[in-house]
Amino acid sequence: MLAFMQDPQKLSERFKSRVHVLDGGLATELEKRGHDISGKLWSAQVLLEDPG
Protein backbone atom coordinates (compact mmCIF):
# COMPACT_ATOMS: atom_id res chain seq x y z
CA MET A 1 0.00 0.00 0.00
CA LEU A 2 1.26 3.47 -0.82
CA ALA A 3 2.39 5.52 2.17
CA PHE A 4 0.01 8.42 1.48
CA MET A 5 -2.95 6.02 1.55
CA GLN A 6 -2.17 5.15 5.16
CA ASP A 7 -1.69 8.73 6.29
CA PRO A 8 -4.31 11.31 5.20
CA GLN A 9 -1.93 14.15 6.06
CA LYS A 10 0.57 12.91 3.47
CA LEU A 11 -2.19 12.78 0.86
CA SER A 12 -3.21 16.33 1.74
CA GLU A 13 0.39 17.49 1.29
CA ARG A 14 0.59 15.80 -2.11
CA PHE A 15 -2.45 17.68 -3.37
CA LYS A 16 -1.01 21.04 -2.30
CA SER A 17 2.05 20.69 -4.51
CA ARG A 18 0.46 20.44 -7.98
CA VAL A 19 -2.67 19.89 -10.03
CA HIS A 20 -4.16 16.39 -10.04
CA VAL A 21 -6.77 14.87 -12.33
CA LEU A 22 -9.02 12.32 -10.68
CA ASP A 23 -10.95 9.97 -12.92
CA GLY A 24 -13.05 7.33 -11.30
CA GLY A 25 -14.22 5.79 -14.56
CA LEU A 26 -17.89 6.57 -13.88
CA ALA A 27 -18.76 7.30 -17.50
CA THR A 28 -17.13 4.10 -18.71
CA GLU A 29 -19.00 1.98 -16.19
CA LEU A 30 -22.35 3.64 -16.87
CA GLU A 31 -21.85 3.22 -20.59
CA LYS A 32 -21.10 -0.49 -20.09
CA ARG A 33 -24.39 -0.77 -18.22
CA GLY A 34 -26.30 0.71 -21.16
CA HIS A 35 -26.81 4.29 -20.00
CA ASP A 36 -26.75 7.16 -22.49
CA ILE A 37 -23.91 9.52 -21.59
CA SER A 38 -24.07 11.72 -24.68
CA GLY A 39 -25.75 14.74 -23.07
CA LYS A 40 -24.08 17.59 -21.19
CA LEU A 41 -25.65 16.58 -17.87
CA TRP A 42 -25.38 12.82 -18.36
CA SER A 43 -24.55 12.02 -14.73
CA ALA A 44 -27.60 13.93 -13.47
CA GLN A 45 -29.80 12.27 -16.09
CA VAL A 46 -28.65 8.80 -15.01
CA LEU A 47 -29.42 9.64 -11.39
CA LEU A 48 -32.93 10.77 -12.33
CA GLU A 49 -33.61 7.69 -14.45
CA ASP A 50 -31.99 5.07 -12.23
CA PRO A 51 -31.21 6.38 -8.74
CA GLY A 52 -30.71 2.92 -7.23
PDB file of N, CA and C in Angstrom:
ATOM      1  N   MET A   1       0.848  -1.183   0.000  1.00  0.00           N
ATOM      2  CA  MET A   1       0.000   0.000   0.000  1.00  0.00           C
ATOM      3  C   MET A   1       0.891   1.243   0.000  1.00  0.00           C
ATOM      4  N   LEU A   2       0.490   2.235  -0.757  1.00  0.00           N
ATOM      5  CA  LEU A   2       1.258   3.474  -0.823  1.00  0.00           C
ATOM      6  C   LEU A   2       1.195   4.216   0.506  1.00  0.00           C
ATOM      7  N   ALA A   3       2.293   4.848   0.872  1.00  0.00           N
ATOM      8  CA  ALA A   3       2.386   5.519   2.173  1.00  0.00           C
ATOM      9  C   ALA A   3       1.306   6.581   2.366  1.00  0.00           C
ATOM     10  N   PHE A   4       1.004   7.346   1.318  1.00  0.00           N
ATOM     11  CA  PHE A   4       0.013   8.416   1.482  1.00  0.00           C
ATOM     12  C   PHE A   4      -1.397   7.874   1.677  1.00  0.00           C
ATOM     13  N   MET A   5      -1.633   6.609   1.331  1.00  0.00           N
ATOM     14  CA  MET A   5      -2.954   6.020   1.552  1.00  0.00           C
ATOM     15  C   MET A   5      -3.161   5.684   3.029  1.00  0.00           C
ATOM     16  N   GLN A   6      -2.089   5.470   3.737  1.00  0.00           N
ATOM     17  CA  GLN A   6      -2.169   5.151   5.161  1.00  0.00           C
ATOM     18  C   GLN A   6      -2.247   6.401   6.020  1.00  0.00           C
ATOM     19  N   ASP A   7      -1.749   7.497   5.515  1.00  0.00           N
ATOM     20  CA  ASP A   7      -1.689   8.733   6.291  1.00  0.00           C
ATOM     21  C   ASP A   7      -2.369   9.869   5.518  1.00  0.00           C
ATOM     22  N   PRO A   8      -3.587  10.251   5.909  1.00  0.00           N
ATOM     23  CA  PRO A   8      -4.310  11.313   5.196  1.00  0.00           C
ATOM     24  C   PRO A   8      -3.532  12.624   5.104  1.00  0.00           C
ATOM     25  N   GLN A   9      -2.715  12.915   6.079  1.00  0.00           N
ATOM     26  CA  GLN A   9      -1.927  14.149   6.057  1.00  0.00           C
ATOM     27  C   GLN A   9      -0.956  14.138   4.878  1.00  0.00           C
ATOM     28  N   LYS A  10      -0.350  12.998   4.608  1.00  0.00           N
ATOM     29  CA  LYS A  10       0.568  12.908   3.475  1.00  0.00           C
ATOM     30  C   LYS A  10      -0.177  13.122   2.162  1.00  0.00           C
ATOM     31  N   LEU A  11      -1.380  12.588   2.066  1.00  0.00           N
ATOM     32  CA  LEU A  11      -2.189  12.783   0.864  1.00  0.00           C
ATOM     33  C   LEU A  11      -2.524  14.260   0.693  1.00  0.00           C
ATOM     34  N   SER A  12      -2.895  14.910   1.770  1.00  0.00           N
ATOM     35  CA  SER A  12      -3.207  16.334   1.736  1.00  0.00           C
ATOM     36  C   SER A  12      -2.000  17.137   1.247  1.00  0.00           C
ATOM     37  N   GLU A  13      -0.835  16.799   1.707  1.00  0.00           N
ATOM     38  CA  GLU A  13       0.386  17.495   1.291  1.00  0.00           C
ATOM     39  C   GLU A  13       0.653  17.283  -0.197  1.00  0.00           C
ATOM     40  N   ARG A  14       0.396  16.084  -0.686  1.00  0.00           N
ATOM     41  CA  ARG A  14       0.595  15.797  -2.113  1.00  0.00           C
ATOM     42  C   ARG A  14      -0.288  16.681  -2.979  1.00  0.00           C
ATOM     43  N   PHE A  15      -1.524  16.891  -2.567  1.00  0.00           N
ATOM     44  CA  PHE A  15      -2.450  17.680  -3.366  1.00  0.00           C
ATOM     45  C   PHE A  15      -2.120  19.165  -3.340  1.00  0.00           C
ATOM     46  N   LYS A  16      -1.394  19.627  -2.365  1.00  0.00           N
ATOM     47  CA  LYS A  16      -1.010  21.039  -2.303  1.00  0.00           C
ATOM     48  C   LYS A  16       0.068  21.374  -3.330  1.00  0.00           C
ATOM     49  N   SER A  17       0.865  20.414  -3.713  1.00  0.00           N
ATOM     50  CA  SER A  17       2.047  20.691  -4.514  1.00  0.00           C
ATOM     51  C   SER A  17       1.795  20.887  -6.004  1.00  0.00           C
ATOM     52  N   ARG A  18       0.703  20.316  -6.540  1.00  0.00           N
ATOM     53  CA  ARG A  18       0.461  20.443  -7.980  1.00  0.00           C
ATOM     54  C   ARG A  18      -0.981  20.070  -8.317  1.00  0.00           C
ATOM     55  N   VAL A  19      -1.328  20.221  -9.565  1.00  0.00           N
ATOM     56  CA  VAL A  19      -2.675  19.887 -10.032  1.00  0.00           C
ATOM     57  C   VAL A  19      -2.778  18.380 -10.241  1.00  0.00           C
ATOM     58  N   HIS A  20      -3.919  17.814  -9.855  1.00  0.00           N
ATOM     59  CA  HIS A  20      -4.160  16.386 -10.044  1.00  0.00           C
ATOM     60  C   HIS A  20      -5.491  16.195 -10.767  1.00  0.00           C
ATOM     61  N   VAL A  21      -5.534  15.228 -11.639  1.00  0.00           N
ATOM     62  CA  VAL A  21      -6.768  14.873 -12.329  1.00  0.00           C
ATOM     63  C   VAL A  21      -7.240  13.545 -11.758  1.00  0.00           C
ATOM     64  N   LEU A  22      -8.455  13.542 -11.237  1.00  0.00           N
ATOM     65  CA  LEU A  22      -9.025  12.323 -10.676  1.00  0.00           C
ATOM     66  C   LEU A  22     -10.103  11.810 -11.623  1.00  0.00           C
ATOM     67  N   ASP A  23      -9.966  10.571 -12.017  1.00  0.00           N
ATOM     68  CA  ASP A  23     -10.951   9.967 -12.916  1.00  0.00           C
ATOM     69  C   ASP A  23     -11.346   8.628 -12.336  1.00  0.00           C
ATOM     70  N   GLY A  24     -12.575   8.564 -11.895  1.00  0.00           N
ATOM     71  CA  GLY A  24     -13.052   7.327 -11.297  1.00  0.00           C
ATOM     72  C   GLY A  24     -13.644   6.346 -12.293  1.00  0.00           C
ATOM     73  N   GLY A  25     -13.696   6.694 -13.549  1.00  0.00           N
ATOM     74  CA  GLY A  25     -14.221   5.791 -14.556  1.00  0.00           C
ATOM     75  C   GLY A  25     -15.738   5.653 -14.543  1.00  0.00           C
ATOM     76  N   LEU A  26     -16.434   6.634 -13.981  1.00  0.00           N
ATOM     77  CA  LEU A  26     -17.893   6.566 -13.875  1.00  0.00           C
ATOM     78  C   LEU A  26     -18.549   6.465 -15.244  1.00  0.00           C
ATOM     79  N   ALA A  27     -18.140   7.304 -16.170  1.00  0.00           N
ATOM     80  CA  ALA A  27     -18.762   7.299 -17.500  1.00  0.00           C
ATOM     81  C   ALA A  27     -18.583   5.951 -18.186  1.00  0.00           C
ATOM     82  N   THR A  28     -17.400   5.395 -18.090  1.00  0.00           N
ATOM     83  CA  THR A  28     -17.133   4.098 -18.712  1.00  0.00           C
ATOM     84  C   THR A  28     -18.032   3.019 -18.140  1.00  0.00           C
ATOM     85  N   GLU A  29     -18.163   2.998 -16.837  1.00  0.00           N
ATOM     86  CA  GLU A  29     -18.997   1.981 -16.187  1.00  0.00           C
ATOM     87  C   GLU A  29     -20.471   2.162 -16.533  1.00  0.00           C
ATOM     88  N   LEU A  30     -20.945   3.391 -16.525  1.00  0.00           N
ATOM     89  CA  LEU A  30     -22.347   3.635 -16.866  1.00  0.00           C
ATOM     90  C   LEU A  30     -22.631   3.271 -18.322  1.00  0.00           C
ATOM     91  N   GLU A  31     -21.690   3.569 -19.186  1.00  0.00           N
ATOM     92  CA  GLU A  31     -21.851   3.224 -20.593  1.00  0.00           C
ATOM     93  C   GLU A  31     -21.918   1.704 -20.772  1.00  0.00           C
ATOM     94  N   LYS A  32     -21.075   0.982 -20.049  1.00  0.00           N
ATOM     95  CA  LYS A  32     -21.102  -0.489 -20.093  1.00  0.00           C
ATOM     96  C   LYS A  32     -22.456  -1.033 -19.666  1.00  0.00           C
ATOM     97  N   ARG A  33     -23.100  -0.330 -18.741  1.00  0.00           N
ATOM     98  CA  ARG A  33     -24.394  -0.768 -18.220  1.00  0.00           C
ATOM     99  C   ARG A  33     -25.564  -0.294 -19.077  1.00  0.00           C
ATOM    100  N   GLY A  34     -25.259   0.343 -20.204  1.00  0.00           N
ATOM    101  CA  GLY A  34     -26.297   0.711 -21.155  1.00  0.00           C
ATOM    102  C   GLY A  34     -26.884   2.099 -21.013  1.00  0.00           C
ATOM    103  N   HIS A  35     -26.299   2.933 -20.177  1.00  0.00           N
ATOM    104  CA  HIS A  35     -26.811   4.294 -20.004  1.00  0.00           C
ATOM    105  C   HIS A  35     -26.298   5.211 -21.111  1.00  0.00           C
ATOM    106  N   ASP A  36     -27.117   6.170 -21.486  1.00  0.00           N
ATOM    107  CA  ASP A  36     -26.753   7.163 -22.492  1.00  0.00           C
ATOM    108  C   ASP A  36     -25.986   8.293 -21.812  1.00  0.00           C
ATOM    109  N   ILE A  37     -24.730   8.464 -22.197  1.00  0.00           N
ATOM    110  CA  ILE A  37     -23.908   9.516 -21.587  1.00  0.00           C
ATOM    111  C   ILE A  37     -23.535  10.589 -22.610  1.00  0.00           C
ATOM    112  N   SER A  38     -24.384  10.769 -23.613  1.00  0.00           N
ATOM    113  CA  SER A  38     -24.065  11.719 -24.680  1.00  0.00           C
ATOM    114  C   SER A  38     -24.439  13.166 -24.350  1.00  0.00           C
ATOM    115  N   GLY A  39     -25.324  13.384 -23.398  1.00  0.00           N
ATOM    116  CA  GLY A  39     -25.752  14.741 -23.066  1.00  0.00           C
ATOM    117  C   GLY A  39     -24.776  15.473 -22.159  1.00  0.00           C
ATOM    118  N   LYS A  40     -24.963  16.779 -22.038  1.00  0.00           N
ATOM    119  CA  LYS A  40     -24.081  17.593 -21.190  1.00  0.00           C
ATOM    120  C   LYS A  40     -24.209  17.235 -19.712  1.00  0.00           C
ATOM    121  N   LEU A  41     -25.412  16.904 -19.279  1.00  0.00           N
ATOM    122  CA  LEU A  41     -25.651  16.581 -17.866  1.00  0.00           C
ATOM    123  C   LEU A  41     -25.938  15.090 -17.694  1.00  0.00           C
ATOM    124  N   TRP A  42     -25.132  14.258 -18.349  1.00  0.00           N
ATOM    125  CA  TRP A  42     -25.376  12.818 -18.363  1.00  0.00           C
ATOM    126  C   TRP A  42     -25.413  12.199 -16.973  1.00  0.00           C
ATOM    127  N   SER A  43     -24.567  12.638 -16.069  1.00  0.00           N
ATOM    128  CA  SER A  43     -24.553  12.024 -14.732  1.00  0.00           C
ATOM    129  C   SER A  43     -25.840  12.340 -13.972  1.00  0.00           C
ATOM    130  N   ALA A  44     -26.336  13.563 -14.119  1.00  0.00           N
ATOM    131  CA  ALA A  44     -27.599  13.932 -13.474  1.00  0.00           C
ATOM    132  C   ALA A  44     -28.760  13.164 -14.092  1.00  0.00           C
ATOM    133  N   GLN A  45     -28.733  13.001 -15.407  1.00  0.00           N
ATOM    134  CA  GLN A  45     -29.799  12.269 -16.090  1.00  0.00           C
ATOM    135  C   GLN A  45     -29.849  10.816 -15.625  1.00  0.00           C
ATOM    136  N   VAL A  46     -28.699  10.193 -15.487  1.00  0.00           N
ATOM    137  CA  VAL A  46     -28.653   8.802 -15.014  1.00  0.00           C
ATOM    138  C   VAL A  46     -29.220   8.708 -13.603  1.00  0.00           C
ATOM    139  N   LEU A  47     -28.886   9.653 -12.753  1.00  0.00           N
ATOM    140  CA  LEU A  47     -29.420   9.639 -11.386  1.00  0.00           C
ATOM    141  C   LEU A  47     -30.936   9.785 -11.369  1.00  0.00           C
ATOM    142  N   LEU A  48     -31.471  10.611 -12.254  1.00  0.00           N
ATOM    143  CA  LEU A  48     -32.927  10.773 -12.329  1.00  0.00           C
ATOM    144  C   LEU A  48     -33.609   9.506 -12.841  1.00  0.00           C
ATOM    145  N   GLU A  49     -33.011   8.871 -13.832  1.00  0.00           N
ATOM    146  CA  GLU A  49     -33.612   7.693 -14.453  1.00  0.00           C
ATOM    147  C   GLU A  49     -33.436   6.425 -13.627  1.00  0.00           C
ATOM    148  N   ASP A  50     -32.306   6.309 -12.953  1.00  0.00           N
ATOM    149  CA  ASP A  50     -31.988   5.073 -12.234  1.00  0.00           C
ATOM    150  C   ASP A  50     -31.219   5.396 -10.953  1.00  0.00           C
ATOM    151  N   PRO A  51     -31.897   5.938  -9.954  1.00  0.00           N
ATOM    152  CA  PRO A  51     -31.206   6.381  -8.741  1.00  0.00           C
ATOM    153  C   PRO A  51     -30.660   5.251  -7.861  1.00  0.00           C
ATOM    154  N   GLY A  52     -31.093   4.039  -8.090  1.00  0.00           N
ATOM    155  CA  GLY A  52     -30.711   2.918  -7.225  1.00  0.00           C
ATOM    156  C   GLY A  52     -29.431   2.313  -7.588  1.00  0.00           C
TER     157      GLY A  52
END
